[in-house]
């Protein structure tokens, strides 16, 4: 799924890579409601992009076990992040280049 502007994830993105070149991604609540659904975000840009997850109740960072849903999430240039969903409001994110602030 190739995007070129800010993009809210949709149910049909489950199991796909959502590539974006600008604007970042928003993860709405209750979109990925089946346990085990995954989505991978690919930053195909030479600039950082933002992941907005504030609608979720939990977005657990697998790097340190912290709930980062309310944080500013920045996916670095040319980086990928995969999110595994436990239900409509809970996800687990793994990324090679994710800044949480």
C-alpha atoms as a PDB file:
ATOM      1  CA  UNK A   1       0.000   0.000   0.000  1.00  0.00           C
ATOM      2  CA  UNK A   2       1.926   3.049  -1.250  1.00  0.00           C
ATOM      3  CA  UNK A   3       1.014   6.445   0.200  1.00  0.00           C
ATOM      4  CA  UNK A   4       2.377   9.944  -0.377  1.00  0.00           C
ATOM      5  CA  UNK A   5       0.655  11.938   2.398  1.00  0.00           C
ATOM      6  CA  UNK A   6      -0.643  11.583   5.974  1.00  0.00           C
ATOM      7  CA  UNK A   7      -2.422   8.248   6.139  1.00  0.00           C
ATOM      8  CA  UNK A   8      -4.871   6.740   8.644  1.00  0.00           C
ATOM      9  CA  UNK A   9      -4.546   2.948   8.704  1.00  0.00           C
ATOM     10  CA  UNK A  10      -7.608   0.948   7.633  1.00  0.00           C
ATOM     11  CA  UNK A  11      -8.669  -2.665   8.217  1.00  0.00           C
ATOM     12  CA  UNK A  12      -7.565  -3.756   4.742  1.00  0.00           C
ATOM     13  CA  UNK A  13      -3.970  -2.810   5.670  1.00  0.00           C
ATOM     14  CA  UNK A  14      -3.756  -5.885   7.923  1.00  0.00           C
ATOM     15  CA  UNK A  15      -0.974  -8.157   6.723  1.00  0.00           C
ATOM     16  CA  UNK A  16       0.480  -5.496   4.436  1.00  0.00           C
ATOM     17  CA  UNK A  17       3.356  -3.060   4.305  1.00  0.00           C
ATOM     18  CA  UNK A  18       2.110   0.529   4.255  1.00  0.00           C
ATOM     19  CA  UNK A  19       4.820   2.555   2.516  1.00  0.00           C
ATOM     20  CA  UNK A  20       4.750   6.321   2.937  1.00  0.00           C
ATOM     21  CA  UNK A  21       6.951   9.124   1.647  1.00  0.00           C
ATOM     22  CA  UNK A  22       5.535  12.026   3.684  1.00  0.00           C
ATOM     23  CA  UNK A  23       2.983  12.814   6.375  1.00  0.00           C
ATOM     24  CA  UNK A  24       3.263   9.732   8.579  1.00  0.00           C
ATOM     25  CA  UNK A  25       0.554   7.365   9.807  1.00  0.00           C
ATOM     26  CA  UNK A  26      -2.333   7.430  12.262  1.00  0.00           C
ATOM     27  CA  UNK A  27      -3.460   4.258  14.024  1.00  0.00           C
ATOM     28  CA  UNK A  28      -7.169   4.538  14.838  1.00  0.00           C
ATOM     29  CA  UNK A  29      -8.760   2.434  17.592  1.00  0.00           C
ATOM     30  CA  UNK A  30     -10.919  -0.569  16.691  1.00  0.00           C
ATOM     31  CA  UNK A  31      -9.544  -1.010  13.167  1.00  0.00           C
ATOM     32  CA  UNK A  32      -7.451  -4.127  13.768  1.00  0.00           C
ATOM     33  CA  UNK A  33      -9.812  -6.083  16.008  1.00  0.00           C
ATOM     34  CA  UNK A  34      -8.710  -9.661  15.335  1.00  0.00           C
ATOM     35  CA  UNK A  35      -5.950 -10.890  17.607  1.00  0.00           C
ATOM     36  CA  UNK A  36      -2.750 -11.465  15.657  1.00  0.00           C
ATOM     37  CA  UNK A  37      -3.317  -8.945  12.878  1.00  0.00           C
ATOM     38  CA  UNK A  38      -0.136  -7.157  11.864  1.00  0.00           C
ATOM     39  CA  UNK A  39       0.792  -4.148   9.794  1.00  0.00           C
ATOM     40  CA  UNK A  40       4.249  -2.934   8.815  1.00  0.00           C
ATOM     41  CA  UNK A  41       5.015   0.750   8.298  1.00  0.00           C
ATOM     42  CA  UNK A  42       7.800   1.593   5.846  1.00  0.00           C
ATOM     43  CA  UNK A  43       9.266   5.083   5.825  1.00  0.00           C
ATOM     44  CA  UNK A  44      10.396   5.390   2.207  1.00  0.00           C
ATOM     45  CA  UNK A  45      11.732   8.886   2.790  1.00  0.00           C
ATOM     46  CA  UNK A  46      15.057  10.440   3.709  1.00  0.00           C
ATOM     47  CA  UNK A  47      13.227  12.333   6.508  1.00  0.00           C
ATOM     48  CA  UNK A  48      11.661  11.180   9.756  1.00  0.00           C
ATOM     49  CA  UNK A  49       7.901  10.536   9.866  1.00  0.00           C
ATOM     50  CA  UNK A  50       5.471  10.456  12.783  1.00  0.00           C
ATOM     51  CA  UNK A  51       3.269   7.584  13.952  1.00  0.00           C
ATOM     52  CA  UNK A  52       0.193   8.777  15.855  1.00  0.00           C
ATOM     53  CA  UNK A  53      -1.286   6.114  18.146  1.00  0.00           C
ATOM     54  CA  UNK A  54      -3.120   8.209  20.762  1.00  0.00           C
ATOM     55  CA  UNK A  55      -6.505   6.598  19.943  1.00  0.00           C
ATOM     56  CA  UNK A  56      -5.243   3.238  21.225  1.00  0.00           C
ATOM     57  CA  UNK A  57      -5.399   2.320  24.907  1.00  0.00           C
ATOM     58  CA  UNK A  58      -2.034   0.551  24.735  1.00  0.00           C
ATOM     59  CA  UNK A  59       0.841   0.565  22.267  1.00  0.00           C
ATOM     60  CA  UNK A  60       3.572  -1.449  23.929  1.00  0.00           C
ATOM     61  CA  UNK A  61       7.150  -0.832  22.779  1.00  0.00           C
ATOM     62  CA  UNK A  62       8.773  -4.263  22.592  1.00  0.00           C
ATOM     63  CA  UNK A  63      12.195  -2.665  23.084  1.00  0.00           C
ATOM     64  CA  UNK A  64      11.456  -1.733  26.712  1.00  0.00           C
ATOM     65  CA  UNK A  65       7.896  -2.812  27.594  1.00  0.00           C
ATOM     66  CA  UNK A  66       6.573   0.736  27.973  1.00  0.00           C
ATOM     67  CA  UNK A  67       3.125   1.893  26.830  1.00  0.00           C
ATOM     68  CA  UNK A  68       4.019   4.604  24.292  1.00  0.00           C
ATOM     69  CA  UNK A  69       0.597   5.338  22.775  1.00  0.00           C
ATOM     70  CA  UNK A  70       0.524   8.928  24.096  1.00  0.00           C
ATOM     71  CA  UNK A  71       4.119   9.694  23.143  1.00  0.00           C
ATOM     72  CA  UNK A  72       5.513  11.346  20.052  1.00  0.00           C
ATOM     73  CA  UNK A  73       6.645   8.432  17.879  1.00  0.00           C
ATOM     74  CA  UNK A  74       9.140   9.175  15.149  1.00  0.00           C
ATOM     75  CA  UNK A  75      10.082   6.553  12.588  1.00  0.00           C
ATOM     76  CA  UNK A  76      13.511   7.339  11.179  1.00  0.00           C
ATOM     77  CA  UNK A  77      14.381   7.735   7.528  1.00  0.00           C
ATOM     78  CA  UNK A  78      14.291   4.504   5.485  1.00  0.00           C
ATOM     79  CA  UNK A  79      13.124   2.542   8.560  1.00  0.00           C
ATOM     80  CA  UNK A  80      10.376  -0.012   9.190  1.00  0.00           C
ATOM     81  CA  UNK A  81       8.115  -0.716  12.154  1.00  0.00           C
ATOM     82  CA  UNK A  82       5.839  -3.724  12.577  1.00  0.00           C
ATOM     83  CA  UNK A  83       2.809  -3.628  14.856  1.00  0.00           C
ATOM     84  CA  UNK A  84       1.091  -6.783  16.145  1.00  0.00           C
ATOM     85  CA  UNK A  85      -2.446  -6.220  17.421  1.00  0.00           C
ATOM     86  CA  UNK A  86      -3.994  -7.985  20.396  1.00  0.00           C
ATOM     87  CA  UNK A  87      -7.352  -6.338  19.810  1.00  0.00           C
ATOM     88  CA  UNK A  88      -8.908  -3.083  18.692  1.00  0.00           C
ATOM     89  CA  UNK A  89      -7.163  -0.962  21.305  1.00  0.00           C
ATOM     90  CA  UNK A  90      -3.880  -2.789  21.992  1.00  0.00           C
ATOM     91  CA  UNK A  91      -0.762  -3.193  19.880  1.00  0.00           C
ATOM     92  CA  UNK A  92       2.912  -4.130  20.215  1.00  0.00           C
ATOM     93  CA  UNK A  93       5.452  -2.252  18.082  1.00  0.00           C
ATOM     94  CA  UNK A  94       8.918  -3.393  16.996  1.00  0.00           C
ATOM     95  CA  UNK A  95      11.171  -1.088  15.027  1.00  0.00           C
ATOM     96  CA  UNK A  96      14.803  -0.683  14.085  1.00  0.00           C
ATOM     97  CA  UNK A  97      14.736   3.125  14.253  1.00  0.00           C
ATOM     98  CA  UNK A  98      11.949   4.460  16.481  1.00  0.00           C
ATOM     99  CA  UNK A  99      12.345   7.530  18.676  1.00  0.00           C
ATOM    100  CA  UNK A 100       9.897   7.932  21.558  1.00  0.00           C
ATOM    101  CA  UNK A 101       9.575  11.326  23.199  1.00  0.00           C
END
